[in-house]
N, C-alpha and C. Protein backbone atom coordinates (compact mmCIF):
# COMPACT_ATOMS: atom_id res chain seq x y z
N MET A 1 -1.65 -3.16 12.81
CA MET A 1 -1.77 -1.76 12.47
C MET A 1 -2.54 -0.97 13.54
N PHE A 2 -3.57 -1.59 14.08
CA PHE A 2 -4.35 -0.92 15.11
C PHE A 2 -3.92 -1.45 16.47
N PRO A 3 -4.15 -0.68 17.53
CA PRO A 3 -3.79 -1.20 18.85
C PRO A 3 -4.62 -2.43 19.17
N SER A 4 -4.04 -3.34 19.89
CA SER A 4 -4.80 -4.53 20.27
C SER A 4 -5.84 -4.13 21.31
N MET A 5 -6.79 -4.99 21.53
CA MET A 5 -7.84 -4.69 22.50
C MET A 5 -7.23 -4.54 23.90
N LYS A 6 -6.17 -5.30 24.21
CA LYS A 6 -5.51 -5.17 25.51
C LYS A 6 -5.00 -3.76 25.72
N GLU A 7 -4.41 -3.19 24.66
CA GLU A 7 -3.84 -1.85 24.77
C GLU A 7 -4.92 -0.80 24.98
N ALA A 8 -6.14 -1.10 24.57
CA ALA A 8 -7.21 -0.11 24.65
C ALA A 8 -8.19 -0.40 25.78
N ASP A 9 -7.85 -1.32 26.70
CA ASP A 9 -8.77 -1.69 27.77
C ASP A 9 -8.94 -0.61 28.84
N THR A 10 -7.97 0.24 29.02
CA THR A 10 -8.10 1.30 30.02
C THR A 10 -9.12 2.32 29.53
N PRO A 11 -9.76 3.09 30.44
CA PRO A 11 -10.79 4.05 30.00
C PRO A 11 -10.31 4.99 28.90
N THR A 12 -9.12 5.53 29.05
CA THR A 12 -8.53 6.33 27.97
C THR A 12 -7.03 6.16 28.03
N GLN A 13 -6.40 6.31 26.91
CA GLN A 13 -4.95 6.31 26.88
C GLN A 13 -4.51 7.71 26.51
N THR A 14 -3.54 8.22 27.22
CA THR A 14 -3.06 9.57 26.94
C THR A 14 -1.85 9.48 26.03
N LEU A 15 -1.91 10.20 24.93
CA LEU A 15 -0.81 10.24 23.97
C LEU A 15 -0.29 11.66 23.90
N TYR A 16 0.99 11.83 24.14
CA TYR A 16 1.59 13.17 24.11
C TYR A 16 2.33 13.36 22.80
N ASN A 17 2.30 14.61 22.32
CA ASN A 17 3.14 14.91 21.16
C ASN A 17 4.53 15.29 21.66
N GLY A 18 5.41 15.70 20.77
CA GLY A 18 6.80 15.95 21.14
C GLY A 18 6.99 17.01 22.20
N ASP A 19 6.18 18.08 22.20
CA ASP A 19 6.42 19.16 23.17
C ASP A 19 5.60 19.00 24.45
N HIS A 20 4.81 17.96 24.57
CA HIS A 20 4.01 17.65 25.76
C HIS A 20 3.02 18.76 26.14
N ASN A 21 2.71 19.66 25.23
CA ASN A 21 1.73 20.71 25.53
C ASN A 21 0.31 20.26 25.21
N LYS A 22 0.16 19.36 24.26
CA LYS A 22 -1.17 18.93 23.86
C LYS A 22 -1.35 17.47 24.25
N VAL A 23 -2.55 17.12 24.60
CA VAL A 23 -2.85 15.74 24.99
C VAL A 23 -3.99 15.23 24.12
N ALA A 24 -3.84 14.03 23.60
CA ALA A 24 -4.91 13.39 22.84
C ALA A 24 -5.38 12.18 23.64
N LEU A 25 -6.66 11.95 23.70
CA LEU A 25 -7.20 10.81 24.44
C LEU A 25 -7.62 9.72 23.47
N TRP A 26 -7.24 8.51 23.79
CA TRP A 26 -7.62 7.35 22.99
C TRP A 26 -8.82 6.72 23.68
N PRO A 27 -10.00 6.77 23.06
CA PRO A 27 -11.21 6.26 23.73
C PRO A 27 -11.23 4.74 23.80
N ASP A 28 -12.11 4.24 24.66
CA ASP A 28 -12.32 2.79 24.71
C ASP A 28 -12.81 2.32 23.35
N ILE A 29 -12.37 1.14 22.96
CA ILE A 29 -12.86 0.54 21.72
C ILE A 29 -13.79 -0.59 22.14
N PRO A 30 -15.08 -0.48 21.82
CA PRO A 30 -16.01 -1.55 22.20
C PRO A 30 -15.62 -2.86 21.52
N SER A 31 -15.82 -3.96 22.23
CA SER A 31 -15.46 -5.26 21.65
C SER A 31 -16.28 -5.56 20.40
N SER A 32 -17.46 -4.94 20.27
CA SER A 32 -18.27 -5.16 19.07
C SER A 32 -17.60 -4.59 17.82
N MET A 33 -16.64 -3.68 18.00
CA MET A 33 -15.94 -3.09 16.86
C MET A 33 -14.79 -3.97 16.38
N SER A 34 -14.42 -4.97 17.16
CA SER A 34 -13.26 -5.80 16.82
C SER A 34 -13.35 -6.41 15.42
N PRO A 35 -14.48 -7.03 15.02
CA PRO A 35 -14.54 -7.59 13.66
C PRO A 35 -14.37 -6.51 12.58
N THR A 36 -14.95 -5.34 12.81
CA THR A 36 -14.83 -4.25 11.84
C THR A 36 -13.39 -3.79 11.74
N ILE A 37 -12.74 -3.64 12.87
CA ILE A 37 -11.33 -3.21 12.88
C ILE A 37 -10.46 -4.24 12.18
N LYS A 38 -10.71 -5.52 12.44
CA LYS A 38 -9.93 -6.57 11.78
C LYS A 38 -10.15 -6.56 10.27
N GLU A 39 -11.39 -6.32 9.83
CA GLU A 39 -11.68 -6.27 8.40
C GLU A 39 -10.96 -5.09 7.74
N VAL A 40 -11.03 -3.93 8.38
CA VAL A 40 -10.34 -2.75 7.84
C VAL A 40 -8.84 -2.99 7.81
N ASP A 41 -8.31 -3.57 8.87
CA ASP A 41 -6.88 -3.87 8.92
C ASP A 41 -6.48 -4.82 7.80
N ALA A 42 -7.31 -5.84 7.54
CA ALA A 42 -7.03 -6.79 6.46
C ALA A 42 -7.07 -6.10 5.10
N ARG A 43 -8.02 -5.18 4.92
CA ARG A 43 -8.10 -4.46 3.64
C ARG A 43 -6.88 -3.57 3.44
N ILE A 44 -6.44 -2.92 4.50
CA ILE A 44 -5.24 -2.07 4.40
C ILE A 44 -4.03 -2.93 4.07
N GLU A 45 -3.91 -4.07 4.73
CA GLU A 45 -2.78 -4.96 4.45
C GLU A 45 -2.82 -5.46 3.01
N SER A 46 -4.01 -5.80 2.52
CA SER A 46 -4.16 -6.25 1.13
C SER A 46 -3.75 -5.14 0.16
N PHE A 47 -4.19 -3.92 0.45
CA PHE A 47 -3.83 -2.78 -0.39
C PHE A 47 -2.31 -2.58 -0.41
N CYS A 48 -1.68 -2.67 0.77
CA CYS A 48 -0.22 -2.51 0.85
C CYS A 48 0.50 -3.59 0.05
N ASN A 49 -0.02 -4.82 0.11
CA ASN A 49 0.58 -5.91 -0.67
C ASN A 49 0.44 -5.64 -2.16
N ASP A 50 -0.73 -5.11 -2.59
CA ASP A 50 -0.93 -4.77 -4.00
C ASP A 50 0.07 -3.71 -4.45
N VAL A 51 0.24 -2.68 -3.62
CA VAL A 51 1.17 -1.60 -3.96
C VAL A 51 2.59 -2.14 -4.01
N ARG A 52 2.96 -2.97 -3.04
CA ARG A 52 4.30 -3.56 -3.01
C ARG A 52 4.54 -4.37 -4.28
N SER A 53 3.53 -5.14 -4.70
CA SER A 53 3.64 -5.94 -5.92
C SER A 53 3.84 -5.05 -7.14
N MET A 54 3.10 -3.94 -7.20
CA MET A 54 3.25 -3.02 -8.34
C MET A 54 4.65 -2.42 -8.37
N ILE A 55 5.19 -2.08 -7.21
CA ILE A 55 6.54 -1.50 -7.15
C ILE A 55 7.57 -2.53 -7.61
N ILE A 56 7.42 -3.77 -7.17
CA ILE A 56 8.35 -4.82 -7.59
C ILE A 56 8.27 -5.03 -9.09
N ASN A 57 7.04 -5.04 -9.64
CA ASN A 57 6.88 -5.18 -11.09
C ASN A 57 7.54 -4.02 -11.83
N CYS A 58 7.38 -2.83 -11.30
CA CYS A 58 7.97 -1.64 -11.92
C CYS A 58 9.49 -1.77 -11.94
N ILE A 59 10.08 -2.19 -10.84
CA ILE A 59 11.54 -2.37 -10.77
C ILE A 59 11.98 -3.45 -11.76
N TYR A 60 11.21 -4.52 -11.84
CA TYR A 60 11.53 -5.60 -12.77
C TYR A 60 11.53 -5.09 -14.21
N PHE A 61 10.46 -4.39 -14.61
CA PHE A 61 10.38 -3.90 -15.98
C PHE A 61 11.44 -2.84 -16.27
N TYR A 62 11.75 -2.02 -15.29
CA TYR A 62 12.79 -1.01 -15.46
C TYR A 62 14.14 -1.69 -15.69
N THR A 63 14.41 -2.75 -14.94
CA THR A 63 15.66 -3.49 -15.10
C THR A 63 15.74 -4.11 -16.49
N ILE A 64 14.66 -4.73 -16.94
CA ILE A 64 14.62 -5.32 -18.28
C ILE A 64 14.84 -4.23 -19.33
N LEU A 65 14.19 -3.09 -19.14
CA LEU A 65 14.34 -1.97 -20.06
C LEU A 65 15.81 -1.54 -20.16
N LYS A 66 16.45 -1.38 -19.01
CA LYS A 66 17.85 -0.95 -19.00
C LYS A 66 18.76 -1.99 -19.66
N LEU A 67 18.52 -3.26 -19.38
CA LEU A 67 19.31 -4.31 -20.02
C LEU A 67 19.14 -4.29 -21.53
N TYR A 68 17.90 -4.16 -21.97
CA TYR A 68 17.61 -4.13 -23.40
C TYR A 68 18.30 -2.92 -24.04
N ALA A 69 18.20 -1.76 -23.39
CA ALA A 69 18.81 -0.55 -23.93
C ALA A 69 20.33 -0.70 -24.02
N CYS A 70 20.94 -1.33 -23.02
CA CYS A 70 22.39 -1.53 -23.04
C CYS A 70 22.80 -2.50 -24.15
N LEU A 71 21.99 -3.53 -24.36
CA LEU A 71 22.34 -4.54 -25.36
C LEU A 71 22.16 -4.04 -26.79
N TYR A 72 21.08 -3.30 -27.03
CA TYR A 72 20.74 -2.96 -28.41
C TYR A 72 20.94 -1.50 -28.77
N LYS A 73 21.06 -0.63 -27.79
CA LYS A 73 21.35 0.80 -28.01
C LYS A 73 20.46 1.41 -29.08
N SER A 74 19.19 1.11 -29.04
CA SER A 74 18.26 1.65 -30.04
C SER A 74 17.20 2.47 -29.34
N LYS A 75 17.14 3.77 -29.64
CA LYS A 75 16.17 4.64 -28.97
C LYS A 75 14.74 4.24 -29.31
N ASN A 76 14.46 3.92 -30.56
CA ASN A 76 13.10 3.55 -30.94
C ASN A 76 12.65 2.31 -30.18
N SER A 77 13.50 1.32 -30.10
CA SER A 77 13.14 0.09 -29.39
C SER A 77 12.93 0.37 -27.90
N THR A 78 13.77 1.24 -27.33
CA THR A 78 13.64 1.58 -25.92
C THR A 78 12.31 2.27 -25.65
N GLN A 79 11.92 3.18 -26.54
CA GLN A 79 10.63 3.86 -26.37
C GLN A 79 9.48 2.88 -26.47
N GLN A 80 9.58 1.90 -27.36
CA GLN A 80 8.53 0.90 -27.47
C GLN A 80 8.44 0.07 -26.19
N ILE A 81 9.58 -0.26 -25.61
CA ILE A 81 9.57 -1.04 -24.37
C ILE A 81 8.99 -0.21 -23.23
N ILE A 82 9.31 1.08 -23.19
CA ILE A 82 8.74 1.94 -22.14
C ILE A 82 7.22 1.93 -22.24
N LYS A 83 6.69 2.07 -23.46
CA LYS A 83 5.23 2.06 -23.64
C LYS A 83 4.64 0.72 -23.19
N LEU A 84 5.32 -0.36 -23.52
CA LEU A 84 4.85 -1.69 -23.11
C LEU A 84 4.85 -1.81 -21.59
N CYS A 85 5.92 -1.35 -20.95
CA CYS A 85 6.01 -1.42 -19.49
C CYS A 85 4.91 -0.61 -18.84
N VAL A 86 4.65 0.58 -19.36
CA VAL A 86 3.60 1.43 -18.79
C VAL A 86 2.25 0.74 -18.93
N ARG A 87 1.99 0.14 -20.08
CA ARG A 87 0.72 -0.56 -20.28
C ARG A 87 0.59 -1.73 -19.32
N LYS A 88 1.67 -2.47 -19.11
CA LYS A 88 1.62 -3.62 -18.21
C LYS A 88 1.43 -3.21 -16.76
N MET A 89 1.94 -2.04 -16.40
CA MET A 89 1.83 -1.58 -15.02
C MET A 89 0.43 -1.07 -14.69
N GLN A 90 -0.33 -0.66 -15.70
CA GLN A 90 -1.68 -0.15 -15.43
C GLN A 90 -2.60 -1.34 -15.17
N PRO A 91 -3.38 -1.26 -14.08
CA PRO A 91 -4.29 -2.38 -13.80
C PRO A 91 -5.38 -2.46 -14.87
N SER A 92 -5.78 -3.67 -15.17
CA SER A 92 -6.86 -3.84 -16.13
C SER A 92 -8.16 -3.33 -15.53
N LYS A 93 -9.15 -3.10 -16.37
CA LYS A 93 -10.44 -2.61 -15.88
C LYS A 93 -11.07 -3.62 -14.93
N LYS A 94 -10.86 -4.92 -15.20
CA LYS A 94 -11.41 -5.97 -14.35
C LYS A 94 -10.77 -5.91 -12.96
N GLN A 95 -9.43 -5.76 -12.90
CA GLN A 95 -8.74 -5.68 -11.61
C GLN A 95 -9.18 -4.46 -10.84
N THR A 96 -9.31 -3.32 -11.52
CA THR A 96 -9.73 -2.08 -10.86
C THR A 96 -11.13 -2.23 -10.28
N HIS A 97 -12.03 -2.86 -11.03
CA HIS A 97 -13.40 -3.05 -10.57
C HIS A 97 -13.43 -3.96 -9.34
N GLN A 98 -12.64 -5.04 -9.35
CA GLN A 98 -12.60 -5.95 -8.21
C GLN A 98 -12.03 -5.27 -6.98
N HIS A 99 -11.02 -4.44 -7.16
CA HIS A 99 -10.37 -3.77 -6.03
C HIS A 99 -11.30 -2.73 -5.40
N ASN A 100 -12.16 -2.11 -6.20
CA ASN A 100 -13.05 -1.07 -5.69
C ASN A 100 -14.25 -1.63 -4.95
N GLN A 101 -14.48 -2.93 -5.06
CA GLN A 101 -15.66 -3.50 -4.39
C GLN A 101 -15.43 -3.70 -2.95
C-alpha cells in the first residue's frame, strides 16, 4: 500500500497531476518510520479483509433469503429472515471492542 523504502530513497519524488500544473513532493521517509508504516499497512489490510468478509457474508445471506423467498413465497417469513440477516451482519459488542483497540 505504501511506497517501498527503495522508491523513497531519493531526496524527493515529484508527482504530477493530470494537467502538470501542480507539483507535489514526496519527502524522504526515515528508516525509523519503517516499523510504524508496516504496522499501519497491516492494520489497513486487516480492516480491508474484515470488510471483504462482511460483504461476502451479506451476499451469502441475501442469496439464502432469495432462495427461501422463491421456495416459500411468504412475505412474513421473508421479513423475519431479513431481520435475522441484519442481526447477523451487525458485529457483536465484543468484536467491535476488539477492533477498536
